[in-house]
């Protein structure tokens, strides 16, 4: 059996780095903070004690260095689960595939990947400029449905309860629910608000926003707010967590999302200036990640 990954499946740059991220294995840190906004990479890395590596390709910017004696990395994903698909698969390839022989390593490495994001709350009691850590990613994006092993990591009870309570439209992708890393969630978000984070494949219609076009389900946000399953409720809406949790779980990496709440969709409130809250969140995550 030929175990060599073809060039068309794992595309490498002339220097042997993974295609989109342009990273070589020796650069990749065990502790990685990902952000959607490219501008936030520098917001993270300016807290490092030192920065010894920088690279950019398209929306993917990477800064690596040390913080309190430990190697850390900040990396931007851009917006959406499609970008997370690229980011997580290429990070994994960099550490778990021998890029010279194009063969999968026998000894696998597990990375800590923490997403720091901004998000809209779906519960009235979650104030703006507060923080939410995602226990699960509930994906409406469809990305993980393309992976054969999704059923092995999906929380079927949450998915089925959601389908039943919302009378989910069968023309829309199957809403998968993936649990984040308990180790990271407890380490970073032990005293933060916890809940399911809904991940949408768009910012407008898929998140119930109406400008000139009408969303298919006009009361979608209310359905999300009303959803309850055992101790679980949906706390917030964003565009990356479901894929991060799904791919991380399948590939054996620890994943966690912590979001600054910049809007409350129920109370119709928006932060007057969310940047200080994001700055504080970056410091909190760095300290707890390496602590």
C-alpha atoms as a PDB file:
ATOM      1  CA  UNK A   1       0.000   0.000   0.000  1.00  0.00           C
ATOM      2  CA  UNK A   2       1.301   3.438  -0.957  1.00  0.00           C
ATOM      3  CA  UNK A   3       1.195   5.675   2.145  1.00  0.00           C
ATOM      4  CA  UNK A   4       2.798   8.672   0.452  1.00  0.00           C
ATOM      5  CA  UNK A   5       0.464  11.685   0.325  1.00  0.00           C
ATOM      6  CA  UNK A   6       0.382  12.973  -3.292  1.00  0.00           C
ATOM      7  CA  UNK A   7       1.539  16.477  -4.205  1.00  0.00           C
ATOM      8  CA  UNK A   8      -2.006  17.425  -5.220  1.00  0.00           C
ATOM      9  CA  UNK A   9      -3.337  16.538  -1.722  1.00  0.00           C
ATOM     10  CA  UNK A  10      -0.594  18.077   0.409  1.00  0.00           C
ATOM     11  CA  UNK A  11       0.725  21.099  -1.465  1.00  0.00           C
ATOM     12  CA  UNK A  12       4.075  22.426  -0.267  1.00  0.00           C
ATOM     13  CA  UNK A  13       6.016  25.565  -1.075  1.00  0.00           C
ATOM     14  CA  UNK A  14       9.491  25.399  -2.669  1.00  0.00           C
ATOM     15  CA  UNK A  15      11.111  25.613   0.788  1.00  0.00           C
ATOM     16  CA  UNK A  16       9.038  22.638   1.995  1.00  0.00           C
ATOM     17  CA  UNK A  17       6.584  24.643   4.121  1.00  0.00           C
ATOM     18  CA  UNK A  18       2.818  23.994   4.152  1.00  0.00           C
ATOM     19  CA  UNK A  19       1.117  25.836   1.324  1.00  0.00           C
ATOM     20  CA  UNK A  20      -1.157  28.557   2.767  1.00  0.00           C
ATOM     21  CA  UNK A  21       0.389  29.107   6.197  1.00  0.00           C
ATOM     22  CA  UNK A  22       3.980  28.940   4.871  1.00  0.00           C
ATOM     23  CA  UNK A  23       5.104  27.278   8.092  1.00  0.00           C
ATOM     24  CA  UNK A  24       7.864  24.730   8.602  1.00  0.00           C
ATOM     25  CA  UNK A  25       7.557  22.187  11.451  1.00  0.00           C
ATOM     26  CA  UNK A  26      10.274  23.762  13.588  1.00  0.00           C
ATOM     27  CA  UNK A  27       8.376  27.057  13.739  1.00  0.00           C
ATOM     28  CA  UNK A  28       5.078  25.670  15.053  1.00  0.00           C
ATOM     29  CA  UNK A  29       4.585  26.199  18.793  1.00  0.00           C
ATOM     30  CA  UNK A  30       2.658  23.826  21.041  1.00  0.00           C
ATOM     31  CA  UNK A  31       0.538  26.757  22.260  1.00  0.00           C
ATOM     32  CA  UNK A  32      -1.238  28.657  19.486  1.00  0.00           C
ATOM     33  CA  UNK A  33      -3.649  31.569  19.720  1.00  0.00           C
ATOM     34  CA  UNK A  34      -5.734  32.119  16.607  1.00  0.00           C
ATOM     35  CA  UNK A  35      -7.667  35.271  15.767  1.00  0.00           C
ATOM     36  CA  UNK A  36      -9.916  36.083  12.843  1.00  0.00           C
ATOM     37  CA  UNK A  37      -8.742  39.646  12.289  1.00  0.00           C
ATOM     38  CA  UNK A  38      -5.207  39.972  10.910  1.00  0.00           C
ATOM     39  CA  UNK A  39      -4.739  43.147  12.959  1.00  0.00           C
ATOM     40  CA  UNK A  40      -5.195  41.205  16.177  1.00  0.00           C
ATOM     41  CA  UNK A  41      -2.065  39.124  15.598  1.00  0.00           C
ATOM     42  CA  UNK A  42       0.085  42.114  16.543  1.00  0.00           C
ATOM     43  CA  UNK A  43      -2.258  42.825  19.466  1.00  0.00           C
ATOM     44  CA  UNK A  44      -1.370  39.364  20.771  1.00  0.00           C
ATOM     45  CA  UNK A  45       2.335  39.282  19.914  1.00  0.00           C
ATOM     46  CA  UNK A  46       3.153  42.666  21.447  1.00  0.00           C
ATOM     47  CA  UNK A  47       2.501  40.969  24.786  1.00  0.00           C
ATOM     48  CA  UNK A  48       5.210  38.366  24.060  1.00  0.00           C
ATOM     49  CA  UNK A  49       8.554  38.725  25.796  1.00  0.00           C
ATOM     50  CA  UNK A  50      10.193  38.231  22.411  1.00  0.00           C
ATOM     51  CA  UNK A  51       9.140  37.670  18.782  1.00  0.00           C
ATOM     52  CA  UNK A  52      11.558  35.709  16.587  1.00  0.00           C
ATOM     53  CA  UNK A  53       9.411  34.785  13.593  1.00  0.00           C
ATOM     54  CA  UNK A  54       6.927  36.617  11.376  1.00  0.00           C
ATOM     55  CA  UNK A  55       5.346  35.601   8.088  1.00  0.00           C
ATOM     56  CA  UNK A  56       2.264  36.517   6.061  1.00  0.00           C
ATOM     57  CA  UNK A  57       0.423  34.908   3.173  1.00  0.00           C
ATOM     58  CA  UNK A  58      -3.012  36.232   2.208  1.00  0.00           C
ATOM     59  CA  UNK A  59      -5.087  36.506   5.406  1.00  0.00           C
ATOM     60  CA  UNK A  60      -2.789  34.140   7.314  1.00  0.00           C
ATOM     61  CA  UNK A  61      -0.330  36.097   9.465  1.00  0.00           C
ATOM     62  CA  UNK A  62       1.892  34.314  11.982  1.00  0.00           C
ATOM     63  CA  UNK A  63       4.001  35.749  14.811  1.00  0.00           C
ATOM     64  CA  UNK A  64       5.943  33.335  17.031  1.00  0.00           C
ATOM     65  CA  UNK A  65       8.044  33.929  20.113  1.00  0.00           C
ATOM     66  CA  UNK A  66       8.132  33.382  23.860  1.00  0.00           C
ATOM     67  CA  UNK A  67       5.912  34.392  26.756  1.00  0.00           C
ATOM     68  CA  UNK A  68       6.997  33.769  30.336  1.00  0.00           C
ATOM     69  CA  UNK A  69       9.548  31.260  29.131  1.00  0.00           C
ATOM     70  CA  UNK A  70       7.230  29.254  26.901  1.00  0.00           C
ATOM     71  CA  UNK A  71       7.044  29.236  23.119  1.00  0.00           C
ATOM     72  CA  UNK A  72       3.796  30.664  21.791  1.00  0.00           C
ATOM     73  CA  UNK A  73       2.335  31.594  18.431  1.00  0.00           C
ATOM     74  CA  UNK A  74      -0.334  34.012  17.231  1.00  0.00           C
ATOM     75  CA  UNK A  75      -1.972  33.243  13.900  1.00  0.00           C
ATOM     76  CA  UNK A  76      -4.834  34.859  11.976  1.00  0.00           C
ATOM     77  CA  UNK A  77      -7.403  32.680  10.248  1.00  0.00           C
ATOM     78  CA  UNK A  78      -9.542  35.243   8.492  1.00  0.00           C
ATOM     79  CA  UNK A  79     -13.315  34.834   8.641  1.00  0.00           C
ATOM     80  CA  UNK A  80     -15.223  31.572   8.331  1.00  0.00           C
ATOM     81  CA  UNK A  81     -15.021  27.821   8.773  1.00  0.00           C
ATOM     82  CA  UNK A  82     -13.511  27.366   5.302  1.00  0.00           C
ATOM     83  CA  UNK A  83     -10.409  29.206   6.522  1.00  0.00           C
ATOM     84  CA  UNK A  84     -10.368  27.151   9.717  1.00  0.00           C
ATOM     85  CA  UNK A  85     -10.337  24.042   7.505  1.00  0.00           C
ATOM     86  CA  UNK A  86      -7.116  25.292   5.896  1.00  0.00           C
ATOM     87  CA  UNK A  87      -5.543  26.468   9.140  1.00  0.00           C
ATOM     88  CA  UNK A  88      -6.103  23.361  11.280  1.00  0.00           C
ATOM     89  CA  UNK A  89      -5.288  20.846   8.542  1.00  0.00           C
ATOM     90  CA  UNK A  90      -2.045  22.652   7.670  1.00  0.00           C
ATOM     91  CA  UNK A  91      -0.988  23.085  11.304  1.00  0.00           C
ATOM     92  CA  UNK A  92      -1.584  19.367  11.789  1.00  0.00           C
ATOM     93  CA  UNK A  93       0.315  18.489   8.626  1.00  0.00           C
ATOM     94  CA  UNK A  94       3.253  20.599   9.751  1.00  0.00           C
ATOM     95  CA  UNK A  95       3.644  18.634  12.984  1.00  0.00           C
ATOM     96  CA  UNK A  96       2.207  15.201  12.192  1.00  0.00           C
ATOM     97  CA  UNK A  97       3.310  14.597   8.604  1.00  0.00           C
ATOM     98  CA  UNK A  98       6.933  14.140   7.562  1.00  0.00           C
ATOM     99  CA  UNK A  99       6.950  16.836   4.892  1.00  0.00           C
ATOM    100  CA  UNK A 100      10.082  15.440   3.247  1.00  0.00           C
ATOM    101  CA  UNK A 101       8.725  11.921   2.734  1.00  0.00           C
ATOM    102  CA  UNK A 102       5.027  12.940   2.650  1.00  0.00           C
ATOM    103  CA  UNK A 103       4.164  10.184   5.118  1.00  0.00           C
ATOM    104  CA  UNK A 104       2.171  10.383   8.348  1.00  0.00           C
ATOM    105  CA  UNK A 105       4.311  10.162  11.462  1.00  0.00           C
ATOM    106  CA  UNK A 106       3.761   7.279  13.843  1.00  0.00           C
ATOM    107  CA  UNK A 107       4.206   9.527  16.884  1.00  0.00           C
ATOM    108  CA  UNK A 108       1.554  12.267  16.823  1.00  0.00           C
ATOM    109  CA  UNK A 109       1.823  15.692  18.423  1.00  0.00           C
ATOM    110  CA  UNK A 110      -1.149  17.372  20.085  1.00  0.00           C
ATOM    111  CA  UNK A 111      -1.355  21.166  19.856  1.00  0.00           C
ATOM    112  CA  UNK A 112      -3.216  23.613  22.097  1.00  0.00           C
ATOM    113  CA  UNK A 113      -5.212  25.884  19.779  1.00  0.00           C
ATOM    114  CA  UNK A 114      -7.171  28.708  21.428  1.00  0.00           C
ATOM    115  CA  UNK A 115      -9.362  31.036  19.418  1.00  0.00           C
ATOM    116  CA  UNK A 116      -9.820  34.570  20.741  1.00  0.00           C
ATOM    117  CA  UNK A 117     -12.775  36.146  18.974  1.00  0.00           C
ATOM    118  CA  UNK A 118     -15.548  38.699  19.086  1.00  0.00           C
ATOM    119  CA  UNK A 119     -19.132  37.581  19.169  1.00  0.00           C
ATOM    120  CA  UNK A 120     -22.779  38.481  19.629  1.00  0.00           C
ATOM    121  CA  UNK A 121     -24.633  37.209  22.701  1.00  0.00           C
ATOM    122  CA  UNK A 122     -27.926  35.355  22.270  1.00  0.00           C
ATOM    123  CA  UNK A 123     -28.986  35.558  25.914  1.00  0.00           C
ATOM    124  CA  UNK A 124     -30.211  38.787  27.495  1.00  0.00           C
ATOM    125  CA  UNK A 125     -28.283  38.199  30.730  1.00  0.00           C
ATOM    126  CA  UNK A 126     -24.862  38.249  29.016  1.00  0.00           C
ATOM    127  CA  UNK A 127     -23.611  41.863  29.048  1.00  0.00           C
ATOM    128  CA  UNK A 128     -21.472  43.412  26.329  1.00  0.00           C
ATOM    129  CA  UNK A 129     -17.732  43.585  27.025  1.00  0.00           C
ATOM    130  CA  UNK A 130     -17.969  40.307  28.949  1.00  0.00           C
ATOM    131  CA  UNK A 131     -16.421  36.962  27.973  1.00  0.00           C
ATOM    132  CA  UNK A 132     -17.901  33.623  26.957  1.00  0.00           C
ATOM    133  CA  UNK A 133     -16.015  30.331  26.670  1.00  0.00           C
ATOM    134  CA  UNK A 134     -17.514  27.791  24.269  1.00  0.00           C
ATOM    135  CA  UNK A 135     -18.322  24.373  25.728  1.00  0.00           C
ATOM    136  CA  UNK A 136     -19.484  23.224  22.260  1.00  0.00           C
ATOM    137  CA  UNK A 137     -19.477  24.498  18.719  1.00  0.00           C
ATOM    138  CA  UNK A 138     -22.886  24.050  17.062  1.00  0.00           C
ATOM    139  CA  UNK A 139     -22.229  24.207  13.346  1.00  0.00           C
ATOM    140  CA  UNK A 140     -24.740  25.356  10.744  1.00  0.00           C
ATOM    141  CA  UNK A 141     -21.919  25.742   8.217  1.00  0.00           C
ATOM    142  CA  UNK A 142     -21.839  22.175   6.884  1.00  0.00           C
ATOM    143  CA  UNK A 143     -18.041  21.874   6.811  1.00  0.00           C
ATOM    144  CA  UNK A 144     -17.649  18.898   9.114  1.00  0.00           C
ATOM    145  CA  UNK A 145     -20.302  16.986   7.172  1.00  0.00           C
ATOM    146  CA  UNK A 146     -17.608  16.485   4.517  1.00  0.00           C
ATOM    147  CA  UNK A 147     -15.498  14.395   6.927  1.00  0.00           C
ATOM    148  CA  UNK A 148     -16.215  10.677   7.226  1.00  0.00           C
ATOM    149  CA  UNK A 149     -15.549  10.429  10.963  1.00  0.00           C
ATOM    150  CA  UNK A 150     -17.878  13.244  12.074  1.00  0.00           C
ATOM    151  CA  UNK A 151     -20.316  10.797  13.790  1.00  0.00           C
ATOM    152  CA  UNK A 152     -17.507   9.602  16.085  1.00  0.00           C
ATOM    153  CA  UNK A 153     -17.118  13.062  17.657  1.00  0.00           C
ATOM    154  CA  UNK A 154     -20.574  14.584  17.221  1.00  0.00           C
ATOM    155  CA  UNK A 155     -22.785  15.086  20.273  1.00  0.00           C
ATOM    156  CA  UNK A 156     -25.829  13.439  18.714  1.00  0.00           C
ATOM    157  CA  UNK A 157     -28.120  14.271  21.628  1.00  0.00           C
ATOM    158  CA  UNK A 158     -27.547  18.015  21.260  1.00  0.00           C
ATOM    159  CA  UNK A 159     -27.872  17.847  17.471  1.00  0.00           C
ATOM    160  CA  UNK A 160     -31.106  15.873  17.598  1.00  0.00           C
ATOM    161  CA  UNK A 161     -32.582  18.055  20.348  1.00  0.00           C
ATOM    162  CA  UNK A 162     -31.768  21.145  18.295  1.00  0.00           C
ATOM    163  CA  UNK A 163     -33.308  19.692  15.138  1.00  0.00           C
ATOM    164  CA  UNK A 164     -36.465  18.786  17.028  1.00  0.00           C
ATOM    165  CA  UNK A 165     -36.861  22.051  18.960  1.00  0.00           C
ATOM    166  CA  UNK A 166     -36.279  24.280  15.938  1.00  0.00           C
ATOM    167  CA  UNK A 167     -38.047  22.084  13.369  1.00  0.00           C
ATOM    168  CA  UNK A 168     -34.796  22.353  11.413  1.00  0.00           C
ATOM    169  CA  UNK A 169     -35.199  22.776   7.659  1.00  0.00           C
ATOM    170  CA  UNK A 170     -33.942  19.637   5.899  1.00  0.00           C
ATOM    171  CA  UNK A 171     -32.610  21.739   3.016  1.00  0.00           C
ATOM    172  CA  UNK A 172     -30.033  23.254   5.386  1.00  0.00           C
ATOM    173  CA  UNK A 173     -26.813  21.460   6.481  1.00  0.00           C
ATOM    174  CA  UNK A 174     -26.994  19.003   9.377  1.00  0.00           C
ATOM    175  CA  UNK A 175     -26.342  20.966  12.617  1.00  0.00           C
ATOM    176  CA  UNK A 176     -23.390  19.187  14.181  1.00  0.00           C
ATOM    177  CA  UNK A 177     -22.322  19.744  17.797  1.00  0.00           C
ATOM    178  CA  UNK A 178     -18.722  19.218  18.911  1.00  0.00           C
ATOM    179  CA  UNK A 179     -17.390  19.536  22.434  1.00  0.00           C
ATOM    180  CA  UNK A 180     -14.262  21.587  23.077  1.00  0.00           C
ATOM    181  CA  UNK A 181     -11.272  20.492  25.133  1.00  0.00           C
ATOM    182  CA  UNK A 182     -12.293  20.232  28.784  1.00  0.00           C
ATOM    183  CA  UNK A 183      -8.660  20.717  29.801  1.00  0.00           C
ATOM    184  CA  UNK A 184      -8.387  24.075  28.033  1.00  0.00           C
ATOM    185  CA  UNK A 185     -11.927  25.198  28.854  1.00  0.00           C
ATOM    186  CA  UNK A 186     -11.307  24.593  32.568  1.00  0.00           C
ATOM    187  CA  UNK A 187      -7.818  26.104  32.456  1.00  0.00           C
ATOM    188  CA  UNK A 188      -8.725  29.277  30.578  1.00  0.00           C
ATOM    189  CA  UNK A 189     -12.438  29.750  31.199  1.00  0.00           C
ATOM    190  CA  UNK A 190     -13.011  28.333  34.680  1.00  0.00           C
ATOM    191  CA  UNK A 191     -14.586  31.575  35.920  1.00  0.00           C
ATOM    192  CA  UNK A 192     -16.127  32.772  32.645  1.00  0.00           C
ATOM    193  CA  UNK A 193     -19.649  32.399  31.261  1.00  0.00           C
ATOM    194  CA  UNK A 194     -19.949  29.030  29.503  1.00  0.00           C
ATOM    195  CA  UNK A 195     -22.301  27.850  26.790  1.00  0.00           C
ATOM    196  CA  UNK A 196     -22.818  26.491  23.309  1.00  0.00           C
ATOM    197  CA  UNK A 197     -21.500  28.742  20.554  1.00  0.00           C
ATOM    198  CA  UNK A 198     -23.484  28.697  17.318  1.00  0.00           C
ATOM    199  CA  UNK A 199     -21.341  28.907  14.185  1.00  0.00           C
ATOM    200  CA  UNK A 200     -22.883  30.390  11.058  1.00  0.00           C
ATOM    201  CA  UNK A 201     -21.675  30.235   7.417  1.00  0.00           C
ATOM    202  CA  UNK A 202     -22.316  33.963   6.944  1.00  0.00           C
ATOM    203  CA  UNK A 203     -22.778  37.241   8.790  1.00  0.00           C
ATOM    204  CA  UNK A 204     -26.153  38.396   7.491  1.00  0.00           C
ATOM    205  CA  UNK A 205     -28.879  35.927   6.512  1.00  0.00           C
ATOM    206  CA  UNK A 206     -27.301  32.959   8.345  1.00  0.00           C
ATOM    207  CA  UNK A 207     -27.239  35.030  11.546  1.00  0.00           C
ATOM    208  CA  UNK A 208     -30.796  36.294  11.133  1.00  0.00           C
ATOM    209  CA  UNK A 209     -29.862  39.799   9.952  1.00  0.00           C
ATOM    210  CA  UNK A 210     -32.237  41.493   7.537  1.00  0.00           C
ATOM    211  CA  UNK A 211     -31.080  44.316   5.272  1.00  0.00           C
ATOM    212  CA  UNK A 212     -32.604  44.117   1.779  1.00  0.00           C
ATOM    213  CA  UNK A 213     -32.882  40.317   1.823  1.00  0.00           C
ATOM    214  CA  UNK A 214     -35.113  38.298   4.114  1.00  0.00           C
ATOM    215  CA  UNK A 215     -33.581  35.333   5.998  1.00  0.00           C
ATOM    216  CA  UNK A 216     -35.183  31.952   5.335  1.00  0.00           C
ATOM    217  CA  UNK A 217     -36.028  31.623   9.041  1.00  0.00           C
ATOM    218  CA  UNK A 218     -36.986  35.085  10.304  1.00  0.00           C
ATOM    219  CA  UNK A 219     -37.226  34.072  13.982  1.00  0.00           C
ATOM    220  CA  UNK A 220     -33.997  32.063  13.901  1.00  0.00           C
ATOM    221  CA  UNK A 221     -32.245  34.022  16.660  1.00  0.00           C
ATOM    222  CA  UNK A 222     -35.229  33.583  18.949  1.00  0.00           C
ATOM    223  CA  UNK A 223     -35.106  29.839  18.331  1.00  0.00           C
ATOM    224  CA  UNK A 224     -31.454  29.821  19.326  1.00  0.00           C
ATOM    225  CA  UNK A 225     -32.157  31.869  22.457  1.00  0.00           C
ATOM    226  CA  UNK A 226     -34.979  29.526  23.461  1.00  0.00           C
ATOM    227  CA  UNK A 227     -33.031  26.290  22.897  1.00  0.00           C
ATOM    228  CA  UNK A 228     -32.412  24.242  26.022  1.00  0.00           C
ATOM    229  CA  UNK A 229     -30.993  20.757  26.432  1.00  0.00           C
ATOM    230  CA  UNK A 230     -30.240  19.541  29.967  1.00  0.00           C
ATOM    231  CA  UNK A 231     -27.850  22.182  31.380  1.00  0.00           C
ATOM    232  CA  UNK A 232     -26.948  23.533  27.948  1.00  0.00           C
ATOM    233  CA  UNK A 233     -28.052  26.749  26.258  1.00  0.00           C
ATOM    234  CA  UNK A 234     -26.768  28.653  23.239  1.00  0.00           C
ATOM    235  CA  UNK A 235     -24.905  31.711  24.480  1.00  0.00           C
ATOM    236  CA  UNK A 236     -23.495  33.357  21.361  1.00  0.00           C
ATOM    237  CA  UNK A 237     -23.088  33.475  17.593  1.00  0.00           C
ATOM    238  CA  UNK A 238     -19.873  33.572  15.523  1.00  0.00           C
ATOM    239  CA  UNK A 239     -18.293  31.993  12.418  1.00  0.00           C
ATOM    240  CA  UNK A 240     -15.388  29.662  13.288  1.00  0.00           C
ATOM    241  CA  UNK A 241     -15.764  27.539  16.418  1.00  0.00           C
ATOM    242  CA  UNK A 242     -17.647  24.500  15.095  1.00  0.00           C
ATOM    243  CA  UNK A 243     -14.922  23.704  12.541  1.00  0.00           C
ATOM    244  CA  UNK A 244     -12.133  24.388  15.048  1.00  0.00           C
ATOM    245  CA  UNK A 245     -13.666  21.981  17.545  1.00  0.00           C
ATOM    246  CA  UNK A 246     -14.557  19.350  14.953  1.00  0.00           C
ATOM    247  CA  UNK A 247     -11.199  19.237  13.187  1.00  0.00           C
ATOM    248  CA  UNK A 248      -9.320  19.531  16.465  1.00  0.00           C
ATOM    249  CA  UNK A 249     -11.197  16.601  17.955  1.00  0.00           C
ATOM    250  CA  UNK A 250     -10.703  14.371  14.899  1.00  0.00           C
ATOM    251  CA  UNK A 251      -6.998  15.202  14.624  1.00  0.00           C
ATOM    252  CA  UNK A 252      -6.256  14.951  18.349  1.00  0.00           C
ATOM    253  CA  UNK A 253      -5.623  18.612  19.189  1.00  0.00           C
ATOM    254  CA  UNK A 254      -6.925  20.549  22.198  1.00  0.00           C
ATOM    255  CA  UNK A 255      -9.189  23.420  21.162  1.00  0.00           C
ATOM    256  CA  UNK A 256     -10.972  26.221  22.973  1.00  0.00           C
ATOM    257  CA  UNK A 257     -12.778  29.405  21.935  1.00  0.00           C
ATOM    258  CA  UNK A 258     -13.123  32.453  24.171  1.00  0.00           C
ATOM    259  CA  UNK A 259     -15.041  35.430  22.801  1.00  0.00           C
ATOM    260  CA  UNK A 260     -15.450  39.013  23.887  1.00  0.00           C
ATOM    261  CA  UNK A 261     -19.131  39.883  23.624  1.00  0.00           C
ATOM    262  CA  UNK A 262     -19.344  43.039  21.542  1.00  0.00           C
ATOM    263  CA  UNK A 263     -23.112  42.932  20.948  1.00  0.00           C
ATOM    264  CA  UNK A 264     -26.193  41.514  22.622  1.00  0.00           C
ATOM    265  CA  UNK A 265     -28.569  40.458  19.865  1.00  0.00           C
ATOM    266  CA  UNK A 266     -31.492  40.041  22.282  1.00  0.00           C
ATOM    267  CA  UNK A 267     -31.090  43.325  24.169  1.00  0.00           C
ATOM    268  CA  UNK A 268     -30.091  45.151  20.924  1.00  0.00           C
ATOM    269  CA  UNK A 269     -26.983  46.551  22.591  1.00  0.00           C
ATOM    270  CA  UNK A 270     -23.567  47.136  21.021  1.00  0.00           C
ATOM    271  CA  UNK A 271     -20.315  47.880  22.839  1.00  0.00           C
ATOM    272  CA  UNK A 272     -19.319  51.535  22.804  1.00  0.00           C
ATOM    273  CA  UNK A 273     -15.665  50.450  22.416  1.00  0.00           C
ATOM    274  CA  UNK A 274     -14.846  46.744  22.576  1.00  0.00           C
ATOM    275  CA  UNK A 275     -11.094  47.103  21.976  1.00  0.00           C
ATOM    276  CA  UNK A 276     -10.123  47.384  25.681  1.00  0.00           C
ATOM    277  CA  UNK A 277     -12.163  44.234  26.405  1.00  0.00           C
ATOM    278  CA  UNK A 278     -10.315  42.349  23.650  1.00  0.00           C
ATOM    279  CA  UNK A 279      -6.958  43.570  24.998  1.00  0.00           C
ATOM    280  CA  UNK A 280      -7.839  42.321  28.483  1.00  0.00           C
ATOM    281  CA  UNK A 281      -8.984  38.989  27.062  1.00  0.00           C
ATOM    282  CA  UNK A 282      -5.696  38.498  25.204  1.00  0.00           C
ATOM    283  CA  UNK A 283      -3.740  39.079  28.425  1.00  0.00           C
ATOM    284  CA  UNK A 284      -6.025  36.745  30.379  1.00  0.00           C
ATOM    285  CA  UNK A 285      -5.684  33.933  27.833  1.00  0.00           C
ATOM    286  CA  UNK A 286      -1.890  34.260  27.572  1.00  0.00           C
ATOM    287  CA  UNK A 287      -1.434  34.197  31.351  1.00  0.00           C
ATOM    288  CA  UNK A 288      -3.705  31.210  31.844  1.00  0.00           C
ATOM    289  CA  UNK A 289      -2.398  29.305  28.834  1.00  0.00           C
ATOM    290  CA  UNK A 290       1.216  29.288  29.997  1.00  0.00           C
ATOM    291  CA  UNK A 291       0.432  29.328  33.733  1.00  0.00           C
END
